[in-house]
Amino acid sequence: MKTELLRRITINPGQCGGRPCIRGMRIRVQDILDMLAAGTSEEEILGDYPYLELDDIRAAMTYAAAYLNHTIVPVQTR
């Protein structure tokens, strides 16, 4: 299921500055995450953006979780 959801995320250098978007549309993963962080419900998002699907929201969250799961190596400064 995770792989299927991530297929909804597209990255095109000529669109939205190369930021991850939903299914080639001009709605960024970040836009969805910002709305969720602000307390907007999934139902409200879908009502405001009728071309989105519930799995698009889930894909945005899955993408963010996968992105944050990368190991971070701190840079040594002197």
N, C-alpha and C. Protein backbone atom coordinates (compact mmCIF):
# COMPACT_ATOMS: atom_id res chain seq x y z
N MET A 1 0.83 -1.19 0.00
CA MET A 1 0.00 0.00 0.00
C MET A 1 0.87 1.26 0.00
N LYS A 2 1.97 1.23 0.78
CA LYS A 2 2.85 2.39 0.86
C LYS A 2 3.41 2.77 -0.51
N THR A 3 3.85 1.78 -1.26
CA THR A 3 4.39 2.03 -2.59
C THR A 3 3.32 2.60 -3.51
N GLU A 4 2.12 2.07 -3.43
CA GLU A 4 1.02 2.58 -4.24
C GLU A 4 0.74 4.04 -3.93
N LEU A 5 0.75 4.39 -2.66
CA LEU A 5 0.50 5.77 -2.27
C LEU A 5 1.61 6.69 -2.79
N LEU A 6 2.84 6.26 -2.68
CA LEU A 6 3.96 7.10 -3.11
C LEU A 6 3.98 7.33 -4.61
N ARG A 7 3.32 6.49 -5.38
CA ARG A 7 3.22 6.70 -6.83
C ARG A 7 2.39 7.94 -7.16
N ARG A 8 1.63 8.42 -6.20
CA ARG A 8 0.82 9.62 -6.41
C ARG A 8 1.66 10.90 -6.32
N ILE A 9 2.86 10.78 -5.78
CA ILE A 9 3.74 11.94 -5.62
C ILE A 9 4.60 12.08 -6.87
N THR A 10 4.58 13.27 -7.46
CA THR A 10 5.37 13.54 -8.66
C THR A 10 6.31 14.71 -8.40
N ILE A 11 7.46 14.63 -9.03
CA ILE A 11 8.44 15.71 -8.93
C ILE A 11 8.85 16.07 -10.35
N ASN A 12 8.57 17.31 -10.72
CA ASN A 12 8.86 17.81 -12.06
C ASN A 12 9.63 19.12 -11.89
N PRO A 13 10.87 19.19 -12.39
CA PRO A 13 11.66 20.41 -12.22
C PRO A 13 10.96 21.66 -12.76
N GLY A 14 10.08 21.53 -13.72
CA GLY A 14 9.40 22.67 -14.31
C GLY A 14 8.10 23.05 -13.63
N GLN A 15 7.78 22.39 -12.54
CA GLN A 15 6.51 22.63 -11.85
C GLN A 15 6.76 22.85 -10.37
N CYS A 16 6.23 23.94 -9.85
CA CYS A 16 6.34 24.25 -8.42
C CYS A 16 7.78 24.21 -7.93
N GLY A 17 8.69 24.65 -8.78
CA GLY A 17 10.10 24.69 -8.38
C GLY A 17 10.71 23.34 -8.10
N GLY A 18 10.15 22.29 -8.67
CA GLY A 18 10.67 20.95 -8.46
C GLY A 18 10.27 20.32 -7.14
N ARG A 19 9.35 20.96 -6.45
CA ARG A 19 8.89 20.41 -5.17
C ARG A 19 7.90 19.27 -5.42
N PRO A 20 7.83 18.32 -4.48
CA PRO A 20 6.91 17.20 -4.65
C PRO A 20 5.46 17.66 -4.70
N CYS A 21 4.73 17.17 -5.69
CA CYS A 21 3.32 17.53 -5.90
C CYS A 21 2.46 16.27 -5.93
N ILE A 22 1.17 16.48 -5.92
CA ILE A 22 0.21 15.39 -5.99
C ILE A 22 -0.21 15.15 -7.43
N ARG A 23 0.03 13.97 -7.92
CA ARG A 23 -0.41 13.49 -9.24
C ARG A 23 -0.22 14.51 -10.37
N GLY A 24 0.90 15.22 -10.36
CA GLY A 24 1.20 16.15 -11.44
C GLY A 24 0.42 17.45 -11.39
N MET A 25 -0.39 17.62 -10.36
CA MET A 25 -1.16 18.86 -10.21
C MET A 25 -0.29 19.88 -9.48
N ARG A 26 -0.74 21.09 -9.48
CA ARG A 26 0.02 22.15 -8.82
C ARG A 26 -0.38 22.31 -7.36
N ILE A 27 -0.58 21.20 -6.69
CA ILE A 27 -0.76 21.24 -5.25
C ILE A 27 0.38 20.42 -4.65
N ARG A 28 1.16 21.11 -3.84
CA ARG A 28 2.37 20.49 -3.30
C ARG A 28 2.06 19.63 -2.08
N VAL A 29 2.91 18.66 -1.84
CA VAL A 29 2.83 17.87 -0.62
C VAL A 29 2.85 18.82 0.58
N GLN A 30 3.70 19.83 0.53
CA GLN A 30 3.81 20.79 1.62
C GLN A 30 2.49 21.51 1.88
N ASP A 31 1.75 21.82 0.83
CA ASP A 31 0.45 22.48 1.00
C ASP A 31 -0.49 21.62 1.84
N ILE A 32 -0.54 20.35 1.52
CA ILE A 32 -1.41 19.44 2.26
C ILE A 32 -0.94 19.31 3.71
N LEU A 33 0.36 19.16 3.90
CA LEU A 33 0.89 19.03 5.26
C LEU A 33 0.64 20.30 6.08
N ASP A 34 0.78 21.46 5.45
CA ASP A 34 0.50 22.72 6.15
C ASP A 34 -0.95 22.79 6.60
N MET A 35 -1.86 22.37 5.73
CA MET A 35 -3.28 22.40 6.09
C MET A 35 -3.56 21.46 7.25
N LEU A 36 -3.00 20.26 7.20
CA LEU A 36 -3.20 19.30 8.29
C LEU A 36 -2.61 19.84 9.59
N ALA A 37 -1.43 20.43 9.52
CA ALA A 37 -0.77 20.98 10.71
C ALA A 37 -1.58 22.12 11.31
N ALA A 38 -2.30 22.85 10.47
CA ALA A 38 -3.12 23.96 10.94
C ALA A 38 -4.45 23.48 11.53
N GLY A 39 -4.68 22.18 11.48
CA GLY A 39 -5.90 21.64 12.07
C GLY A 39 -7.03 21.41 11.08
N THR A 40 -6.77 21.60 9.80
CA THR A 40 -7.79 21.36 8.79
C THR A 40 -8.02 19.86 8.68
N SER A 41 -9.26 19.44 8.70
CA SER A 41 -9.57 18.01 8.62
C SER A 41 -9.43 17.52 7.18
N GLU A 42 -9.28 16.23 7.04
CA GLU A 42 -9.22 15.64 5.71
C GLU A 42 -10.48 15.97 4.92
N GLU A 43 -11.63 15.92 5.60
CA GLU A 43 -12.90 16.21 4.93
C GLU A 43 -12.94 17.65 4.43
N GLU A 44 -12.41 18.58 5.22
CA GLU A 44 -12.37 19.99 4.79
C GLU A 44 -11.46 20.18 3.58
N ILE A 45 -10.31 19.52 3.62
CA ILE A 45 -9.38 19.62 2.48
C ILE A 45 -10.04 19.09 1.22
N LEU A 46 -10.69 17.94 1.33
CA LEU A 46 -11.35 17.35 0.16
C LEU A 46 -12.51 18.22 -0.32
N GLY A 47 -13.17 18.89 0.58
CA GLY A 47 -14.25 19.80 0.20
C GLY A 47 -13.73 21.04 -0.52
N ASP A 48 -12.59 21.55 -0.05
CA ASP A 48 -12.01 22.74 -0.66
C ASP A 48 -11.28 22.44 -1.97
N TYR A 49 -10.81 21.23 -2.12
CA TYR A 49 -10.07 20.81 -3.31
C TYR A 49 -10.71 19.53 -3.86
N PRO A 50 -11.83 19.65 -4.55
CA PRO A 50 -12.59 18.48 -4.97
C PRO A 50 -11.85 17.54 -5.93
N TYR A 51 -10.78 18.00 -6.53
CA TYR A 51 -10.00 17.15 -7.42
C TYR A 51 -9.02 16.26 -6.66
N LEU A 52 -8.89 16.48 -5.35
CA LEU A 52 -8.06 15.61 -4.53
C LEU A 52 -8.85 14.41 -4.06
N GLU A 53 -8.14 13.36 -3.73
CA GLU A 53 -8.74 12.14 -3.19
C GLU A 53 -8.11 11.87 -1.83
N LEU A 54 -8.81 11.10 -1.01
CA LEU A 54 -8.30 10.78 0.32
C LEU A 54 -6.91 10.16 0.23
N ASP A 55 -6.67 9.32 -0.75
CA ASP A 55 -5.35 8.70 -0.89
C ASP A 55 -4.27 9.73 -1.24
N ASP A 56 -4.63 10.87 -1.81
CA ASP A 56 -3.66 11.93 -2.05
C ASP A 56 -3.15 12.49 -0.72
N ILE A 57 -4.06 12.67 0.22
CA ILE A 57 -3.68 13.16 1.54
C ILE A 57 -2.81 12.13 2.24
N ARG A 58 -3.20 10.90 2.15
CA ARG A 58 -2.41 9.81 2.76
C ARG A 58 -1.04 9.71 2.10
N ALA A 59 -0.99 9.94 0.80
CA ALA A 59 0.29 9.90 0.08
C ALA A 59 1.21 11.01 0.58
N ALA A 60 0.67 12.19 0.81
CA ALA A 60 1.47 13.31 1.31
C ALA A 60 2.06 12.97 2.68
N MET A 61 1.25 12.38 3.53
CA MET A 61 1.74 12.01 4.86
C MET A 61 2.77 10.88 4.77
N THR A 62 2.54 9.93 3.89
CA THR A 62 3.48 8.82 3.71
C THR A 62 4.80 9.33 3.17
N TYR A 63 4.76 10.27 2.22
CA TYR A 63 5.96 10.85 1.67
C TYR A 63 6.75 11.58 2.76
N ALA A 64 6.06 12.37 3.57
CA ALA A 64 6.73 13.10 4.64
C ALA A 64 7.36 12.16 5.65
N ALA A 65 6.66 11.10 6.01
CA ALA A 65 7.20 10.13 6.96
C ALA A 65 8.44 9.45 6.39
N ALA A 66 8.40 9.09 5.11
CA ALA A 66 9.56 8.45 4.48
C ALA A 66 10.73 9.42 4.40
N TYR A 67 10.45 10.67 4.07
CA TYR A 67 11.48 11.69 3.96
C TYR A 67 12.16 11.92 5.31
N LEU A 68 11.38 11.98 6.37
CA LEU A 68 11.93 12.22 7.71
C LEU A 68 12.64 11.01 8.29
N ASN A 69 12.46 9.86 7.70
CA ASN A 69 13.09 8.64 8.19
C ASN A 69 14.54 8.51 7.75
N HIS A 70 15.02 9.41 6.92
CA HIS A 70 16.41 9.36 6.46
C HIS A 70 17.34 9.73 7.61
N THR A 71 18.47 9.04 7.66
CA THR A 71 19.46 9.34 8.67
C THR A 71 20.09 10.71 8.41
N ILE A 72 20.21 11.48 9.46
CA ILE A 72 20.82 12.80 9.36
C ILE A 72 22.21 12.73 9.96
N VAL A 73 23.20 13.11 9.20
CA VAL A 73 24.57 13.12 9.67
C VAL A 73 24.95 14.57 9.95
N PRO A 74 25.21 14.89 11.23
CA PRO A 74 25.54 16.29 11.54
C PRO A 74 26.89 16.69 10.94
N VAL A 75 26.99 17.92 10.52
CA VAL A 75 28.21 18.46 9.96
C VAL A 75 29.06 18.98 11.10
N GLN A 76 30.33 18.60 11.10
CA GLN A 76 31.24 19.07 12.13
C GLN A 76 31.70 20.49 11.79
N THR A 77 31.58 21.39 12.72
CA THR A 77 32.10 22.74 12.53
C THR A 77 33.18 23.00 13.58
N ARG A 78 34.12 23.81 13.22
CA ARG A 78 35.22 24.09 14.17
C ARG A 78 35.13 25.48 14.67
